[in-house]
PDB file of N, CA and C in Angstrom:
ATOM      1  N   UNK A   1       2.473  -1.076 -51.972  1.00  0.00           N
ATOM      2  CA  UNK A   1       3.496  -1.344 -50.966  1.00  0.00           C
ATOM      3  C   UNK A   1       3.996  -2.769 -51.174  1.00  0.00           C
ATOM      4  N   UNK A   2       5.286  -2.918 -51.216  1.00  0.00           N
ATOM      5  CA  UNK A   2       5.845  -4.244 -51.444  1.00  0.00           C
ATOM      6  C   UNK A   2       5.751  -5.087 -50.175  1.00  0.00           C
ATOM      7  N   UNK A   3       5.924  -6.373 -50.362  1.00  0.00           N
ATOM      8  CA  UNK A   3       5.861  -7.302 -49.234  1.00  0.00           C
ATOM      9  C   UNK A   3       6.994  -7.012 -48.254  1.00  0.00           C
ATOM     10  N   UNK A   4       8.174  -6.708 -48.774  1.00  0.00           N
ATOM     11  CA  UNK A   4       9.313  -6.418 -47.898  1.00  0.00           C
ATOM     12  C   UNK A   4       9.090  -5.177 -47.052  1.00  0.00           C
ATOM     13  N   UNK A   5       8.510  -4.149 -47.664  1.00  0.00           N
ATOM     14  CA  UNK A   5       8.262  -2.914 -46.914  1.00  0.00           C
ATOM     15  C   UNK A   5       7.197  -3.151 -45.840  1.00  0.00           C
ATOM     16  N   UNK A   6       6.154  -3.903 -46.182  1.00  0.00           N
ATOM     17  CA  UNK A   6       5.104  -4.206 -45.201  1.00  0.00           C
ATOM     18  C   UNK A   6       5.674  -5.029 -44.049  1.00  0.00           C
ATOM     19  N   UNK A   7       6.531  -5.979 -44.385  1.00  0.00           N
ATOM     20  CA  UNK A   7       7.155  -6.811 -43.355  1.00  0.00           C
ATOM     21  C   UNK A   7       8.058  -5.967 -42.457  1.00  0.00           C
ATOM     22  N   UNK A   8       8.773  -5.029 -43.041  1.00  0.00           N
ATOM     23  CA  UNK A   8       9.624  -4.131 -42.262  1.00  0.00           C
ATOM     24  C   UNK A   8       8.817  -3.261 -41.314  1.00  0.00           C
ATOM     25  N   UNK A   9       7.702  -2.717 -41.803  1.00  0.00           N
ATOM     26  CA  UNK A   9       6.829  -1.908 -40.933  1.00  0.00           C
ATOM     27  C   UNK A   9       6.270  -2.750 -39.792  1.00  0.00           C
ATOM     28  N   UNK A  10       5.923  -4.013 -40.112  1.00  0.00           N
ATOM     29  CA  UNK A  10       5.378  -4.892 -39.081  1.00  0.00           C
ATOM     30  C   UNK A  10       6.424  -5.179 -38.003  1.00  0.00           C
ATOM     31  N   UNK A  11       7.631  -5.493 -38.412  1.00  0.00           N
ATOM     32  CA  UNK A  11       8.692  -5.764 -37.438  1.00  0.00           C
ATOM     33  C   UNK A  11       9.045  -4.517 -36.637  1.00  0.00           C
ATOM     34  N   UNK A  12       9.080  -3.374 -37.305  1.00  0.00           N
ATOM     35  CA  UNK A  12       9.370  -2.124 -36.601  1.00  0.00           C
ATOM     36  C   UNK A  12       8.306  -1.799 -35.559  1.00  0.00           C
ATOM     37  N   UNK A  13       7.049  -1.992 -35.913  1.00  0.00           N
ATOM     38  CA  UNK A  13       5.966  -1.749 -34.963  1.00  0.00           C
ATOM     39  C   UNK A  13       6.001  -2.714 -33.798  1.00  0.00           C
ATOM     40  N   UNK A  14       6.325  -3.965 -34.089  1.00  0.00           N
ATOM     41  CA  UNK A  14       6.425  -4.959 -33.020  1.00  0.00           C
ATOM     42  C   UNK A  14       7.556  -4.610 -32.065  1.00  0.00           C
ATOM     43  N   UNK A  15       8.699  -4.224 -32.611  1.00  0.00           N
ATOM     44  CA  UNK A  15       9.836  -3.843 -31.774  1.00  0.00           C
ATOM     45  C   UNK A  15       9.506  -2.607 -30.940  1.00  0.00           C
ATOM     46  N   UNK A  16       8.838  -1.649 -31.546  1.00  0.00           N
ATOM     47  CA  UNK A  16       8.447  -0.445 -30.809  1.00  0.00           C
ATOM     48  C   UNK A  16       7.483  -0.790 -29.671  1.00  0.00           C
ATOM     49  N   UNK A  17       6.564  -1.702 -29.910  1.00  0.00           N
ATOM     50  CA  UNK A  17       5.629  -2.126 -28.869  1.00  0.00           C
ATOM     51  C   UNK A  17       6.321  -2.835 -27.724  1.00  0.00           C
ATOM     52  N   UNK A  18       7.288  -3.687 -28.049  1.00  0.00           N
ATOM     53  CA  UNK A  18       8.034  -4.400 -27.003  1.00  0.00           C
ATOM     54  C   UNK A  18       8.833  -3.413 -26.165  1.00  0.00           C
ATOM     55  N   UNK A  19       9.499  -2.471 -26.819  1.00  0.00           N
ATOM     56  CA  UNK A  19      10.277  -1.471 -26.077  1.00  0.00           C
ATOM     57  C   UNK A  19       9.372  -0.601 -25.210  1.00  0.00           C
ATOM     58  N   UNK A  20       8.212  -0.232 -25.727  1.00  0.00           N
ATOM     59  CA  UNK A  20       7.278   0.568 -24.929  1.00  0.00           C
ATOM     60  C   UNK A  20       6.781  -0.221 -23.721  1.00  0.00           C
ATOM     61  N   UNK A  21       6.583  -1.516 -23.887  1.00  0.00           N
ATOM     62  CA  UNK A  21       6.160  -2.350 -22.764  1.00  0.00           C
ATOM     63  C   UNK A  21       7.218  -2.430 -21.689  1.00  0.00           C
ATOM     64  N   UNK A  22       8.475  -2.604 -22.090  1.00  0.00           N
ATOM     65  CA  UNK A  22       9.569  -2.633 -21.115  1.00  0.00           C
ATOM     66  C   UNK A  22       9.694  -1.299 -20.391  1.00  0.00           C
ATOM     67  N   UNK A  23       9.589  -0.217 -21.140  1.00  0.00           N
ATOM     68  CA  UNK A  23       9.691   1.104 -20.512  1.00  0.00           C
ATOM     69  C   UNK A  23       8.539   1.317 -19.532  1.00  0.00           C
ATOM     70  N   UNK A  24       7.356   0.869 -19.890  1.00  0.00           N
ATOM     71  CA  UNK A  24       6.218   0.998 -18.986  1.00  0.00           C
ATOM     72  C   UNK A  24       6.411   0.222 -17.705  1.00  0.00           C
ATOM     73  N   UNK A  25       6.992  -0.972 -17.801  1.00  0.00           N
ATOM     74  CA  UNK A  25       7.241  -1.766 -16.596  1.00  0.00           C
ATOM     75  C   UNK A  25       8.327  -1.134 -15.735  1.00  0.00           C
ATOM     76  N   UNK A  26       9.345  -0.566 -16.370  1.00  0.00           N
ATOM     77  CA  UNK A  26      10.439   0.027 -15.602  1.00  0.00           C
ATOM     78  C   UNK A  26       9.993   1.265 -14.845  1.00  0.00           C
ATOM     79  N   UNK A  27       9.134   2.059 -15.470  1.00  0.00           N
ATOM     80  CA  UNK A  27       8.766   3.330 -14.865  1.00  0.00           C
ATOM     81  C   UNK A  27       7.432   3.289 -14.133  1.00  0.00           C
ATOM     82  N   UNK A  28       6.839   2.098 -14.029  1.00  0.00           N
ATOM     83  CA  UNK A  28       5.571   1.982 -13.311  1.00  0.00           C
ATOM     84  C   UNK A  28       5.799   2.220 -11.825  1.00  0.00           C
ATOM     85  N   UNK A  29       4.957   3.036 -11.237  1.00  0.00           N
ATOM     86  CA  UNK A  29       5.088   3.305  -9.800  1.00  0.00           C
ATOM     87  C   UNK A  29       4.592   2.102  -9.024  1.00  0.00           C
ATOM     88  N   UNK A  30       5.388   1.679  -8.042  1.00  0.00           N
ATOM     89  CA  UNK A  30       5.001   0.560  -7.205  1.00  0.00           C
ATOM     90  C   UNK A  30       4.777   1.057  -5.792  1.00  0.00           C
ATOM     91  N   UNK A  31       3.827   0.476  -5.080  1.00  0.00           N
ATOM     92  CA  UNK A  31       3.609   0.881  -3.695  1.00  0.00           C
ATOM     93  C   UNK A  31       4.850   0.623  -2.848  1.00  0.00           C
ATOM     94  N   UNK A  32       5.058   1.448  -1.842  1.00  0.00           N
ATOM     95  CA  UNK A  32       6.248   1.326  -1.001  1.00  0.00           C
ATOM     96  C   UNK A  32       6.307  -0.029  -0.317  1.00  0.00           C
ATOM     97  N   UNK A  33       5.167  -0.599   0.034  1.00  0.00           N
ATOM     98  CA  UNK A  33       5.157  -1.898   0.707  1.00  0.00           C
ATOM     99  C   UNK A  33       5.693  -2.985  -0.215  1.00  0.00           C
ATOM    100  N   UNK A  34       5.431  -2.888  -1.494  1.00  0.00           N
ATOM    101  CA  UNK A  34       5.905  -3.898  -2.434  1.00  0.00           C
ATOM    102  C   UNK A  34       7.415  -3.803  -2.628  1.00  0.00           C
ATOM    103  N   UNK A  35       7.962  -2.614  -2.609  1.00  0.00           N
ATOM    104  CA  UNK A  35       9.385  -2.434  -2.870  1.00  0.00           C
ATOM    105  C   UNK A  35      10.216  -3.052  -1.756  1.00  0.00           C
ATOM    106  N   UNK A  36       9.794  -2.889  -0.502  1.00  0.00           N
ATOM    107  CA  UNK A  36      10.573  -3.364   0.636  1.00  0.00           C
ATOM    108  C   UNK A  36      10.191  -4.774   1.070  1.00  0.00           C
ATOM    109  N   UNK A  37       9.330  -5.438   0.323  1.00  0.00           N
ATOM    110  CA  UNK A  37       8.835  -6.742   0.749  1.00  0.00           C
ATOM    111  C   UNK A  37       9.942  -7.789   0.681  1.00  0.00           C
ATOM    112  N   UNK A  38      10.076  -8.551   1.731  1.00  0.00           N
ATOM    113  CA  UNK A  38      11.050  -9.640   1.787  1.00  0.00           C
ATOM    114  C   UNK A  38      10.327 -10.891   2.256  1.00  0.00           C
ATOM    115  N   UNK A  39      10.904 -12.038   1.963  1.00  0.00           N
ATOM    116  CA  UNK A  39      10.297 -13.289   2.395  1.00  0.00           C
ATOM    117  C   UNK A  39      10.454 -13.446   3.898  1.00  0.00           C
ATOM    118  N   UNK A  40       9.372 -13.775   4.568  1.00  0.00           N
ATOM    119  CA  UNK A  40       9.399 -14.026   6.003  1.00  0.00           C
ATOM    120  C   UNK A  40       8.926 -15.453   6.207  1.00  0.00           C
ATOM    121  N   UNK A  41       9.710 -16.233   6.938  1.00  0.00           N
ATOM    122  CA  UNK A  41       9.353 -17.628   7.173  1.00  0.00           C
ATOM    123  C   UNK A  41       8.067 -17.708   7.985  1.00  0.00           C
ATOM    124  N   UNK A  42       7.257 -18.709   7.734  1.00  0.00           N
ATOM    125  CA  UNK A  42       6.038 -18.869   8.525  1.00  0.00           C
ATOM    126  C   UNK A  42       6.364 -19.070  10.004  1.00  0.00           C
ATOM    127  N   UNK A  43       5.440 -18.718  10.842  1.00  0.00           N
ATOM    128  CA  UNK A  43       5.653 -18.808  12.290  1.00  0.00           C
ATOM    129  C   UNK A  43       5.960 -20.240  12.717  1.00  0.00           C
ATOM    130  N   UNK A  44       5.370 -21.237  12.065  1.00  0.00           N
ATOM    131  CA  UNK A  44       5.566 -22.631  12.464  1.00  0.00           C
ATOM    132  C   UNK A  44       7.018 -23.070  12.309  1.00  0.00           C
ATOM    133  N   UNK A  45       7.749 -22.480  11.400  1.00  0.00           N
ATOM    134  CA  UNK A  45       9.140 -22.887  11.181  1.00  0.00           C
ATOM    135  C   UNK A  45      10.043 -22.428  12.312  1.00  0.00           C
ATOM    136  N   UNK A  46       9.589 -21.490  13.127  1.00  0.00           N
ATOM    137  CA  UNK A  46      10.436 -20.966  14.193  1.00  0.00           C
ATOM    138  C   UNK A  46      10.109 -21.562  15.556  1.00  0.00           C
ATOM    139  N   UNK A  47       9.105 -22.414  15.642  1.00  0.00           N
ATOM    140  CA  UNK A  47       8.727 -22.967  16.939  1.00  0.00           C
ATOM    141  C   UNK A  47       9.515 -24.234  17.220  1.00  0.00           C
ATOM    142  N   UNK A  48       9.640 -24.577  18.495  1.00  0.00           N
ATOM    143  CA  UNK A  48      10.427 -25.747  18.894  1.00  0.00           C
ATOM    144  C   UNK A  48       9.740 -27.045  18.514  1.00  0.00           C
ATOM    145  N   UNK A  49       8.413 -27.046  18.424  1.00  0.00           N
ATOM    146  CA  UNK A  49       7.706 -28.297  18.141  1.00  0.00           C
ATOM    147  C   UNK A  49       7.449 -28.504  16.648  1.00  0.00           C
ATOM    148  N   UNK A  50       8.116 -27.757  15.801  1.00  0.00           N
ATOM    149  CA  UNK A  50       7.959 -27.953  14.360  1.00  0.00           C
ATOM    150  C   UNK A  50       8.554 -29.299  13.971  1.00  0.00           C
ATOM    151  N   UNK A  51       8.023 -29.889  12.902  1.00  0.00           N
ATOM    152  CA  UNK A  51       8.525 -31.200  12.463  1.00  0.00           C
ATOM    153  C   UNK A  51       9.968 -31.085  12.015  1.00  0.00           C
ATOM    154  N   UNK A  52      10.759 -32.038  12.428  1.00  0.00           N
ATOM    155  CA  UNK A  52      12.159 -32.082  12.013  1.00  0.00           C
ATOM    156  C   UNK A  52      12.231 -32.702  10.614  1.00  0.00           C
ATOM    157  N   UNK A  53      13.230 -32.364   9.834  1.00  0.00           N
ATOM    158  CA  UNK A  53      13.342 -32.972   8.504  1.00  0.00           C
ATOM    159  C   UNK A  53      13.626 -34.466   8.603  1.00  0.00           C
ATOM    160  N   UNK A  54      13.145 -35.206   7.641  1.00  0.00           N
ATOM    161  CA  UNK A  54      13.353 -36.656   7.626  1.00  0.00           C
ATOM    162  C   UNK A  54      14.835 -36.952   7.430  1.00  0.00           C
ATOM    163  N   UNK A  55      15.333 -38.030   8.052  1.00  0.00           N
ATOM    164  CA  UNK A  55      16.748 -38.378   7.860  1.00  0.00           C
ATOM    165  C   UNK A  55      17.006 -38.804   6.415  1.00  0.00           C
ATOM    166  N   UNK A  56      18.226 -38.621   5.982  1.00  0.00           N
ATOM    167  CA  UNK A  56      18.591 -39.001   4.614  1.00  0.00           C
ATOM    168  C   UNK A  56      18.565 -40.518   4.493  1.00  0.00           C
ATOM    169  N   UNK A  57      18.082 -41.047   3.376  1.00  0.00           N
ATOM    170  CA  UNK A  57      18.051 -42.506   3.217  1.00  0.00           C
ATOM    171  C   UNK A  57      19.462 -43.074   3.107  1.00  0.00           C
ATOM    172  N   UNK A  58      19.606 -44.314   3.556  1.00  0.00           N
ATOM    173  CA  UNK A  58      20.910 -44.984   3.485  1.00  0.00           C
ATOM    174  C   UNK A  58      21.246 -45.262   2.024  1.00  0.00           C
ATOM    175  N   UNK A  59      22.529 -45.235   1.682  1.00  0.00           N
ATOM    176  CA  UNK A  59      22.897 -45.533   0.285  1.00  0.00           C
ATOM    177  C   UNK A  59      22.536 -46.973  -0.078  1.00  0.00           C
ATOM    178  N   UNK A  60      22.155 -47.173  -1.323  1.00  0.00           N
ATOM    179  CA  UNK A  60      21.747 -48.505  -1.777  1.00  0.00           C
ATOM    180  C   UNK A  60      22.953 -49.430  -1.853  1.00  0.00           C
ATOM    181  N   UNK A  61      22.760 -50.682  -1.402  1.00  0.00           N
ATOM    182  CA  UNK A  61      23.840 -51.687  -1.456  1.00  0.00           C
ATOM    183  C   UNK A  61      23.832 -52.339  -2.825  1.00  0.00           C
ATOM    184  N   UNK A  62      25.027 -52.681  -3.319  1.00  0.00           N
ATOM    185  CA  UNK A  62      25.110 -53.333  -4.635  1.00  0.00           C
ATOM    186  C   UNK A  62      25.243 -54.813  -4.492  1.00  0.00           C
TER     187      UNK A  62
END
């Protein structure tokens, strides 16, 4: 087997493995809770006594 043919088989196998990995990720079953999951802010961010953001610093004088 020539070096070029071996290299071609290696690249073909690598490409086939990458495509199989992508297909596996696309068709993997995910739990229903994971599909509908959205970010929910922590409870502390919604309370009145949460820390206010720091004021913006004054621009530097030249």
